[in-house]
All heavy atoms as atom14 arrays in JSON, in Angstrom:
{
  "sequence": "VRFSPWIEHPVHGHKRAIQKIREFDPSRPSWHVHGAFRTP",
  "atom14_mask": [
    [1, 1, 1, 1, 1, 1, 1, 0, 0, 0, 0, 0, 0, 0],
    [1, 1, 1, 1, 1, 1, 1, 1, 1, 1, 1, 0, 0, 0],
    [1, 1, 1, 1, 1, 1, 1, 1, 1, 1, 1, 0, 0, 0],
    [1, 1, 1, 1, 1, 1, 0, 0, 0, 0, 0, 0, 0, 0],
    [1, 1, 1, 1, 1, 1, 1, 0, 0, 0, 0, 0, 0, 0],
    [1, 1, 1, 1, 1, 1, 1, 1, 1, 1, 1, 1, 1, 1],
    [1, 1, 1, 1, 1, 1, 1, 1, 0, 0, 0, 0, 0, 0],
    [1, 1, 1, 1, 1, 1, 1, 1, 1, 0, 0, 0, 0, 0],
    [1, 1, 1, 1, 1, 1, 1, 1, 1, 1, 0, 0, 0, 0],
    [1, 1, 1, 1, 1, 1, 1, 0, 0, 0, 0, 0, 0, 0],
    [1, 1, 1, 1, 1, 1, 1, 0, 0, 0, 0, 0, 0, 0],
    [1, 1, 1, 1, 1, 1, 1, 1, 1, 1, 0, 0, 0, 0],
    [1, 1, 1, 1, 0, 0, 0, 0, 0, 0, 0, 0, 0, 0],
    [1, 1, 1, 1, 1, 1, 1, 1, 1, 1, 0, 0, 0, 0],
    [1, 1, 1, 1, 1, 1, 1, 1, 1, 0, 0, 0, 0, 0],
    [1, 1, 1, 1, 1, 1, 1, 1, 1, 1, 1, 0, 0, 0],
    [1, 1, 1, 1, 1, 0, 0, 0, 0, 0, 0, 0, 0, 0],
    [1, 1, 1, 1, 1, 1, 1, 1, 0, 0, 0, 0, 0, 0],
    [1, 1, 1, 1, 1, 1, 1, 1, 1, 0, 0, 0, 0, 0],
    [1, 1, 1, 1, 1, 1, 1, 1, 1, 0, 0, 0, 0, 0],
    [1, 1, 1, 1, 1, 1, 1, 1, 0, 0, 0, 0, 0, 0],
    [1, 1, 1, 1, 1, 1, 1, 1, 1, 1, 1, 0, 0, 0],
    [1, 1, 1, 1, 1, 1, 1, 1, 1, 0, 0, 0, 0, 0],
    [1, 1, 1, 1, 1, 1, 1, 1, 1, 1, 1, 0, 0, 0],
    [1, 1, 1, 1, 1, 1, 1, 1, 0, 0, 0, 0, 0, 0],
    [1, 1, 1, 1, 1, 1, 1, 0, 0, 0, 0, 0, 0, 0],
    [1, 1, 1, 1, 1, 1, 0, 0, 0, 0, 0, 0, 0, 0],
    [1, 1, 1, 1, 1, 1, 1, 1, 1, 1, 1, 0, 0, 0],
    [1, 1, 1, 1, 1, 1, 1, 0, 0, 0, 0, 0, 0, 0],
    [1, 1, 1, 1, 1, 1, 0, 0, 0, 0, 0, 0, 0, 0],
    [1, 1, 1, 1, 1, 1, 1, 1, 1, 1, 1, 1, 1, 1],
    [1, 1, 1, 1, 1, 1, 1, 1, 1, 1, 0, 0, 0, 0],
    [1, 1, 1, 1, 1, 1, 1, 0, 0, 0, 0, 0, 0, 0],
    [1, 1, 1, 1, 1, 1, 1, 1, 1, 1, 0, 0, 0, 0],
    [1, 1, 1, 1, 0, 0, 0, 0, 0, 0, 0, 0, 0, 0],
    [1, 1, 1, 1, 1, 0, 0, 0, 0, 0, 0, 0, 0, 0],
    [1, 1, 1, 1, 1, 1, 1, 1, 1, 1, 1, 0, 0, 0],
    [1, 1, 1, 1, 1, 1, 1, 1, 1, 1, 1, 0, 0, 0],
    [1, 1, 1, 1, 1, 1, 1, 0, 0, 0, 0, 0, 0, 0],
    [1, 1, 1, 1, 1, 1, 1, 0, 0, 0, 0, 0, 0, 0]
  ],
  "atom14_positions": [
    [[41.31, -95.78, -154.96], [41.58, -95.47, -156.36], [41.44, -93.98, -156.67], [41.65, -93.57, -157.81], [40.69, -96.3, -157.3], [41.0, -97.78, -157.14], [39.21, -96.03, -157.06], [0.0, 0.0, 0.0], [0.0, 0.0, 0.0], [0.0, 0.0, 0.0], [0.0, 0.0, 0.0], [0.0, 0.0, 0.0], [0.0, 0.0, 0.0], [0.0, 0.0, 0.0]],
    [[41.09, -93.16, -155.67], [41.06, -91.71, -155.84], [42.31, -91.05, -155.26], [42.42, -89.82, -155.27], [39.81, -91.12, -155.18], [38.51, -91.53, -155.82], [38.33, -90.93, -157.22], [39.11, -91.62, -158.25], [39.38, -91.1, -159.45], [38.99, -89.89, -159.77], [40.08, -91.78, -160.32], [0.0, 0.0, 0.0], [0.0, 0.0, 0.0], [0.0, 0.0, 0.0]],
    [[43.27, -91.85, -154.78], [44.55, -91.32, -154.32], [45.52, -91.25, -155.5], [45.44, -92.03, -156.45], [45.14, -92.21, -153.22], [44.37, -92.21, -151.93], [44.34, -93.35, -151.13], [43.69, -91.09, -151.5], [43.64, -93.36, -149.94], [42.99, -91.09, -150.3], [42.96, -92.23, -149.52], [0.0, 0.0, 0.0], [0.0, 0.0, 0.0], [0.0, 0.0, 0.0]],
    [[46.48, -90.36, -155.42], [47.41, -90.12, -156.54], [48.18, -91.35, -156.99], [48.41, -91.51, -158.21], [48.38, -88.99, -156.19], [49.1, -89.26, -155.0], [0.0, 0.0, 0.0], [0.0, 0.0, 0.0], [0.0, 0.0, 0.0], [0.0, 0.0, 0.0], [0.0, 0.0, 0.0], [0.0, 0.0, 0.0], [0.0, 0.0, 0.0], [0.0, 0.0, 0.0]],
    [[48.61, -92.28, -156.11], [49.35, -93.45, -156.63], [48.54, -94.29, -157.59], [49.12, -94.97, -158.46], [49.7, -94.24, -155.35], [49.72, -93.22, -154.27], [48.62, -92.26, -154.63], [0.0, 0.0, 0.0], [0.0, 0.0, 0.0], [0.0, 0.0, 0.0], [0.0, 0.0, 0.0], [0.0, 0.0, 0.0], [0.0, 0.0, 0.0], [0.0, 0.0, 0.0]],
    [[47.23, -94.29, -157.46], [46.4, -95.1, -158.37], [45.94, -94.29, -159.57], [45.84, -94.82, -160.67], [45.23, -95.69, -157.59], [45.7, -96.86, -156.78], [45.7, -98.17, -157.13], [46.34, -96.8, -155.5], [46.3, -98.93, -156.15], [46.69, -98.12, -155.14], [46.65, -95.76, -154.61], [47.33, -98.42, -153.93], [47.29, -96.06, -153.42], [47.62, -97.38, -153.09]],
    [[45.71, -93.02, -159.39], [45.33, -92.18, -160.52], [46.49, -92.03, -161.51], [46.31, -92.06, -162.73], [44.88, -90.79, -160.03], [43.57, -90.91, -159.23], [44.67, -89.83, -161.22], [43.13, -89.62, -158.58], [0.0, 0.0, 0.0], [0.0, 0.0, 0.0], [0.0, 0.0, 0.0], [0.0, 0.0, 0.0], [0.0, 0.0, 0.0], [0.0, 0.0, 0.0]],
    [[47.71, -91.89, -160.98], [48.87, -91.61, -161.82], [49.66, -92.85, -162.23], [50.65, -92.73, -162.95], [49.82, -90.64, -161.09], [49.18, -89.31, -160.7], [48.69, -88.53, -161.91], [49.26, -88.73, -163.02], [47.75, -87.73, -161.77], [0.0, 0.0, 0.0], [0.0, 0.0, 0.0], [0.0, 0.0, 0.0], [0.0, 0.0, 0.0], [0.0, 0.0, 0.0]],
    [[49.25, -94.02, -161.81], [50.0, -95.24, -162.13], [50.04, -95.43, -163.65], [49.02, -95.29, -164.34], [49.34, -96.46, -161.49], [50.19, -97.68, -161.49], [50.35, -98.46, -162.63], [50.96, -98.26, -160.53], [51.15, -99.47, -162.35], [51.55, -99.37, -161.09], [0.0, 0.0, 0.0], [0.0, 0.0, 0.0], [0.0, 0.0, 0.0], [0.0, 0.0, 0.0]],
    [[51.22, -95.73, -164.23], [51.34, -95.85, -165.69], [50.44, -96.92, -166.31], [50.09, -96.81, -167.49], [52.83, -96.21, -165.88], [53.51, -95.67, -164.68], [52.53, -95.83, -163.55], [0.0, 0.0, 0.0], [0.0, 0.0, 0.0], [0.0, 0.0, 0.0], [0.0, 0.0, 0.0], [0.0, 0.0, 0.0], [0.0, 0.0, 0.0], [0.0, 0.0, 0.0]],
    [[50.08, -97.94, -165.53], [49.19, -98.99, -166.04], [47.81, -98.85, -165.43], [46.8, -98.73, -166.13], [49.76, -100.39, -165.75], [48.77, -101.47, -166.19], [51.1, -100.58, -166.45], [0.0, 0.0, 0.0], [0.0, 0.0, 0.0], [0.0, 0.0, 0.0], [0.0, 0.0, 0.0], [0.0, 0.0, 0.0], [0.0, 0.0, 0.0], [0.0, 0.0, 0.0]],
    [[47.74, -98.86, -164.11], [46.46, -98.95, -163.41], [45.74, -97.61, -163.3], [44.63, -97.56, -162.75], [46.65, -99.58, -162.04], [47.18, -100.98, -162.11], [46.52, -101.98, -162.8], [48.31, -101.55, -161.6], [47.21, -103.1, -162.71], [48.29, -102.87, -162.0], [0.0, 0.0, 0.0], [0.0, 0.0, 0.0], [0.0, 0.0, 0.0], [0.0, 0.0, 0.0]],
    [[46.33, -96.54, -163.83], [45.6, -95.3, -163.93], [44.62, -95.31, -165.09], [43.69, -94.49, -165.14], [0.0, 0.0, 0.0], [0.0, 0.0, 0.0], [0.0, 0.0, 0.0], [0.0, 0.0, 0.0], [0.0, 0.0, 0.0], [0.0, 0.0, 0.0], [0.0, 0.0, 0.0], [0.0, 0.0, 0.0], [0.0, 0.0, 0.0], [0.0, 0.0, 0.0]],
    [[44.83, -96.22, -166.05], [43.92, -96.44, -167.19], [43.71, -95.19, -168.04], [42.7, -95.08, -168.75], [42.55, -96.95, -166.69], [42.61, -98.18, -165.85], [42.95, -99.42, -166.36], [42.4, -98.36, -164.52], [42.92, -100.32, -165.39], [42.61, -99.7, -164.27], [0.0, 0.0, 0.0], [0.0, 0.0, 0.0], [0.0, 0.0, 0.0], [0.0, 0.0, 0.0]],
    [[44.64, -94.25, -168.01], [44.4, -92.97, -168.69], [44.23, -93.13, -170.2], [43.34, -92.52, -170.8], [45.54, -92.0, -168.37], [45.52, -91.51, -166.92], [46.57, -90.44, -166.69], [46.47, -89.89, -165.29], [47.45, -88.79, -165.05], [0.0, 0.0, 0.0], [0.0, 0.0, 0.0], [0.0, 0.0, 0.0], [0.0, 0.0, 0.0], [0.0, 0.0, 0.0]],
    [[45.08, -93.92, -170.82], [44.98, -94.07, -172.27], [43.72, -94.83, -172.66], [43.06, -94.5, -173.66], [46.23, -94.77, -172.81], [47.5, -93.92, -172.73], [48.73, -94.7, -173.14], [48.99, -95.78, -172.22], [50.04, -96.62, -172.31], [50.89, -96.49, -173.32], [50.23, -97.57, -171.44], [0.0, 0.0, 0.0], [0.0, 0.0, 0.0], [0.0, 0.0, 0.0]],
    [[43.36, -95.82, -171.87], [42.14, -96.58, -172.16], [40.91, -95.69, -172.01], [39.97, -95.76, -172.82], [42.04, -97.78, -171.23], [0.0, 0.0, 0.0], [0.0, 0.0, 0.0], [0.0, 0.0, 0.0], [0.0, 0.0, 0.0], [0.0, 0.0, 0.0], [0.0, 0.0, 0.0], [0.0, 0.0, 0.0], [0.0, 0.0, 0.0], [0.0, 0.0, 0.0]],
    [[40.89, -94.84, -170.99], [39.76, -93.94, -170.77], [39.58, -93.03, -171.98], [38.47, -92.84, -172.49], [39.96, -93.12, -169.48], [39.86, -94.03, -168.25], [38.96, -91.98, -169.39], [40.36, -93.41, -166.97], [0.0, 0.0, 0.0], [0.0, 0.0, 0.0], [0.0, 0.0, 0.0], [0.0, 0.0, 0.0], [0.0, 0.0, 0.0], [0.0, 0.0, 0.0]],
    [[40.68, -92.45, -172.44], [40.61, -91.56, -173.6], [40.11, -92.3, -174.83], [39.27, -91.79, -175.59], [41.99, -90.96, -173.88], [42.01, -90.0, -175.06], [43.4, -89.4, -175.28], [44.31, -89.59, -174.47], [43.57, -88.69, -176.39], [0.0, 0.0, 0.0], [0.0, 0.0, 0.0], [0.0, 0.0, 0.0], [0.0, 0.0, 0.0], [0.0, 0.0, 0.0]],
    [[40.6, -93.53, -175.01], [40.21, -94.33, -176.18], [38.73, -94.69, -176.13], [38.0, -94.58, -177.12], [41.06, -95.6, -176.24], [40.9, -96.39, -177.53], [41.58, -95.68, -178.68], [41.57, -96.5, -179.94], [42.18, -95.8, -181.08], [0.0, 0.0, 0.0], [0.0, 0.0, 0.0], [0.0, 0.0, 0.0], [0.0, 0.0, 0.0], [0.0, 0.0, 0.0]],
    [[38.24, -95.11, -174.96], [36.84, -95.52, -174.82], [35.92, -94.34, -175.1], [34.86, -94.49, -175.73], [36.6, -96.1, -173.41], [37.36, -97.42, -173.25], [35.1, -96.33, -173.17], [37.44, -97.92, -171.82], [0.0, 0.0, 0.0], [0.0, 0.0, 0.0], [0.0, 0.0, 0.0], [0.0, 0.0, 0.0], [0.0, 0.0, 0.0], [0.0, 0.0, 0.0]],
    [[36.32, -93.16, -174.67], [35.48, -91.97, -174.89], [35.38, -91.62, -176.38], [34.46, -90.91, -176.79], [36.04, -90.78, -174.12], [35.92, -90.91, -172.6], [36.27, -89.6, -171.91], [36.31, -89.73, -170.47], [35.26, -89.74, -169.66], [34.04, -89.65, -170.19], [35.39, -89.84, -168.36], [0.0, 0.0, 0.0], [0.0, 0.0, 0.0], [0.0, 0.0, 0.0]],
    [[36.31, -92.1, -177.19], [36.29, -91.8, -178.62], [35.38, -92.72, -179.42], [35.05, -92.43, -180.57], [37.72, -91.9, -179.19], [38.69, -90.87, -178.62], [40.12, -91.12, -179.06], [40.36, -92.17, -179.72], [40.99, -90.31, -178.74], [0.0, 0.0, 0.0], [0.0, 0.0, 0.0], [0.0, 0.0, 0.0], [0.0, 0.0, 0.0], [0.0, 0.0, 0.0]],
    [[34.95, -93.83, -178.83], [34.16, -94.81, -179.58], [32.75, -94.31, -179.84], [32.14, -93.65, -179.0], [34.1, -96.14, -178.83], [35.43, -96.83, -178.7], [35.81, -97.39, -177.51], [36.29, -96.91, -179.79], [37.04, -98.03, -177.39], [37.52, -97.53, -179.67], [37.9, -98.09, -178.47], [0.0, 0.0, 0.0], [0.0, 0.0, 0.0], [0.0, 0.0, 0.0]],
    [[32.24, -94.67, -181.0], [30.85, -94.38, -181.36], [30.03, -95.62, -181.03], [30.16, -96.66, -181.7], [30.76, -94.07, -182.86], [29.34, -93.79, -183.32], [28.4, -93.93, -182.5], [29.15, -93.46, -184.51], [0.0, 0.0, 0.0], [0.0, 0.0, 0.0], [0.0, 0.0, 0.0], [0.0, 0.0, 0.0], [0.0, 0.0, 0.0], [0.0, 0.0, 0.0]],
    [[29.18, -95.57, -179.99], [28.46, -96.78, -179.59], [27.49, -97.31, -180.62], [27.07, -98.46, -180.53], [27.72, -96.32, -178.31], [27.66, -94.84, -178.41], [28.89, -94.41, -179.13], [0.0, 0.0, 0.0], [0.0, 0.0, 0.0], [0.0, 0.0, 0.0], [0.0, 0.0, 0.0], [0.0, 0.0, 0.0], [0.0, 0.0, 0.0], [0.0, 0.0, 0.0]],
    [[27.12, -96.49, -181.61], [26.19, -96.95, -182.62], [26.86, -97.87, -183.64], [26.18, -98.6, -184.37], [25.55, -95.76, -183.34], [26.52, -95.05, -184.11], [0.0, 0.0, 0.0], [0.0, 0.0, 0.0], [0.0, 0.0, 0.0], [0.0, 0.0, 0.0], [0.0, 0.0, 0.0], [0.0, 0.0, 0.0], [0.0, 0.0, 0.0], [0.0, 0.0, 0.0]],
    [[28.18, -97.86, -183.68], [28.89, -98.71, -184.64], [29.03, -100.12, -184.08], [28.95, -100.34, -182.87], [30.28, -98.13, -184.94], [30.27, -96.73, -185.52], [31.63, -96.32, -185.99], [32.05, -97.1, -187.16], [33.28, -97.05, -187.68], [34.21, -96.29, -187.14], [33.58, -97.77, -188.74], [0.0, 0.0, 0.0], [0.0, 0.0, 0.0], [0.0, 0.0, 0.0]],
    [[29.25, -101.12, -184.94], [29.42, -102.5, -184.47], [30.56, -102.61, -183.47], [31.58, -101.9, -183.58], [29.73, -103.27, -185.76], [29.12, -102.46, -186.85], [29.28, -101.03, -186.42], [0.0, 0.0, 0.0], [0.0, 0.0, 0.0], [0.0, 0.0, 0.0], [0.0, 0.0, 0.0], [0.0, 0.0, 0.0], [0.0, 0.0, 0.0], [0.0, 0.0, 0.0]],
    [[30.41, -103.49, -182.51], [31.4, -103.6, -181.43], [32.77, -104.03, -181.92], [33.78, -103.73, -181.27], [30.89, -104.58, -180.37], [30.65, -105.85, -180.93], [0.0, 0.0, 0.0], [0.0, 0.0, 0.0], [0.0, 0.0, 0.0], [0.0, 0.0, 0.0], [0.0, 0.0, 0.0], [0.0, 0.0, 0.0], [0.0, 0.0, 0.0], [0.0, 0.0, 0.0]],
    [[32.86, -104.7, -183.08], [34.17, -105.16, -183.53], [35.07, -104.0, -183.94], [36.28, -104.18, -184.13], [34.04, -106.17, -184.67], [33.31, -105.71, -185.91], [31.99, -105.88, -186.19], [33.88, -105.02, -187.03], [31.68, -105.33, -187.41], [32.83, -104.81, -187.96], [35.16, -104.57, -187.35], [33.03, -104.16, -189.17], [35.36, -103.93, -188.56], [34.3, -103.72, -189.45]],
    [[34.51, -102.79, -184.04], [35.34, -101.61, -184.32], [36.14, -101.19, -183.09], [37.06, -100.37, -183.2], [34.46, -100.43, -184.75], [33.96, -100.53, -186.15], [34.66, -100.05, -187.23], [32.81, -101.07, -186.67], [33.97, -100.27, -188.34], [32.84, -100.9, -188.03], [0.0, 0.0, 0.0], [0.0, 0.0, 0.0], [0.0, 0.0, 0.0], [0.0, 0.0, 0.0]],
    [[35.79, -101.7, -181.93], [36.37, -101.24, -180.68], [37.67, -101.99, -180.39], [37.65, -103.16, -179.99], [35.37, -101.42, -179.51], [36.0, -101.0, -178.2], [34.12, -100.62, -179.79], [0.0, 0.0, 0.0], [0.0, 0.0, 0.0], [0.0, 0.0, 0.0], [0.0, 0.0, 0.0], [0.0, 0.0, 0.0], [0.0, 0.0, 0.0], [0.0, 0.0, 0.0]],
    [[38.78, -101.31, -180.6], [40.1, -101.89, -180.31], [41.02, -100.79, -179.79], [40.85, -99.62, -180.12], [40.72, -102.53, -181.56], [40.08, -103.83, -181.95], [40.41, -105.03, -181.36], [39.12, -104.11, -182.86], [39.68, -105.99, -181.89], [38.88, -105.46, -182.81], [0.0, 0.0, 0.0], [0.0, 0.0, 0.0], [0.0, 0.0, 0.0], [0.0, 0.0, 0.0]],
    [[41.99, -101.21, -179.02], [42.98, -100.26, -178.53], [44.23, -100.98, -178.11], [44.17, -101.97, -177.37], [0.0, 0.0, 0.0], [0.0, 0.0, 0.0], [0.0, 0.0, 0.0], [0.0, 0.0, 0.0], [0.0, 0.0, 0.0], [0.0, 0.0, 0.0], [0.0, 0.0, 0.0], [0.0, 0.0, 0.0], [0.0, 0.0, 0.0], [0.0, 0.0, 0.0]],
    [[45.36, -100.54, -178.6], [46.65, -101.13, -178.24], [47.59, -100.01, -177.84], [47.72, -99.01, -178.54], [47.23, -101.91, -179.42], [0.0, 0.0, 0.0], [0.0, 0.0, 0.0], [0.0, 0.0, 0.0], [0.0, 0.0, 0.0], [0.0, 0.0, 0.0], [0.0, 0.0, 0.0], [0.0, 0.0, 0.0], [0.0, 0.0, 0.0], [0.0, 0.0, 0.0]],
    [[48.24, -100.15, -176.69], [49.12, -99.12, -176.17], [50.49, -99.71, -175.87], [50.62, -100.88, -175.51], [48.54, -98.52, -174.89], [47.08, -98.19, -174.99], [46.15, -98.8, -174.14], [46.61, -97.3, -175.93], [44.8, -98.51, -174.23], [45.27, -97.0, -176.04], [44.36, -97.6, -175.18], [0.0, 0.0, 0.0], [0.0, 0.0, 0.0], [0.0, 0.0, 0.0]],
    [[51.49, -98.88, -175.97], [52.84, -99.35, -175.67], [52.97, -99.67, -174.19], [52.3, -99.08, -173.34], [53.88, -98.3, -176.07], [53.9, -97.06, -175.18], [55.13, -96.2, -175.49], [55.15, -95.02, -174.63], [55.64, -95.01, -173.39], [56.11, -96.13, -172.86], [55.64, -93.89, -172.69], [0.0, 0.0, 0.0], [0.0, 0.0, 0.0], [0.0, 0.0, 0.0]],
    [[53.84, -100.59, -173.88], [54.1, -100.95, -172.48], [54.89, -99.83, -171.81], [55.87, -99.35, -172.38], [54.9, -102.26, -172.41], [54.17, -103.29, -173.07], [55.16, -102.65, -170.96], [0.0, 0.0, 0.0], [0.0, 0.0, 0.0], [0.0, 0.0, 0.0], [0.0, 0.0, 0.0], [0.0, 0.0, 0.0], [0.0, 0.0, 0.0], [0.0, 0.0, 0.0]],
    [[54.49, -99.38, -170.63], [55.26, -98.34, -169.93], [56.69, -98.79, -169.68], [56.95, -99.98, -169.4], [54.49, -98.16, -168.62], [53.11, -98.63, -168.92], [53.27, -99.75, -169.89], [0.0, 0.0, 0.0], [0.0, 0.0, 0.0], [0.0, 0.0, 0.0], [0.0, 0.0, 0.0], [0.0, 0.0, 0.0], [0.0, 0.0, 0.0], [0.0, 0.0, 0.0]]
  ]
}
């Protein structure tokens, strides 16, 4: 998963999810945590 085909994969690279998760405030209730992304 440290090779380019997995890092750059439109789905399995998880880039948008990673960015979204980093934006969450863990002190807030968990139901605030949502993320929806367009299909590649």
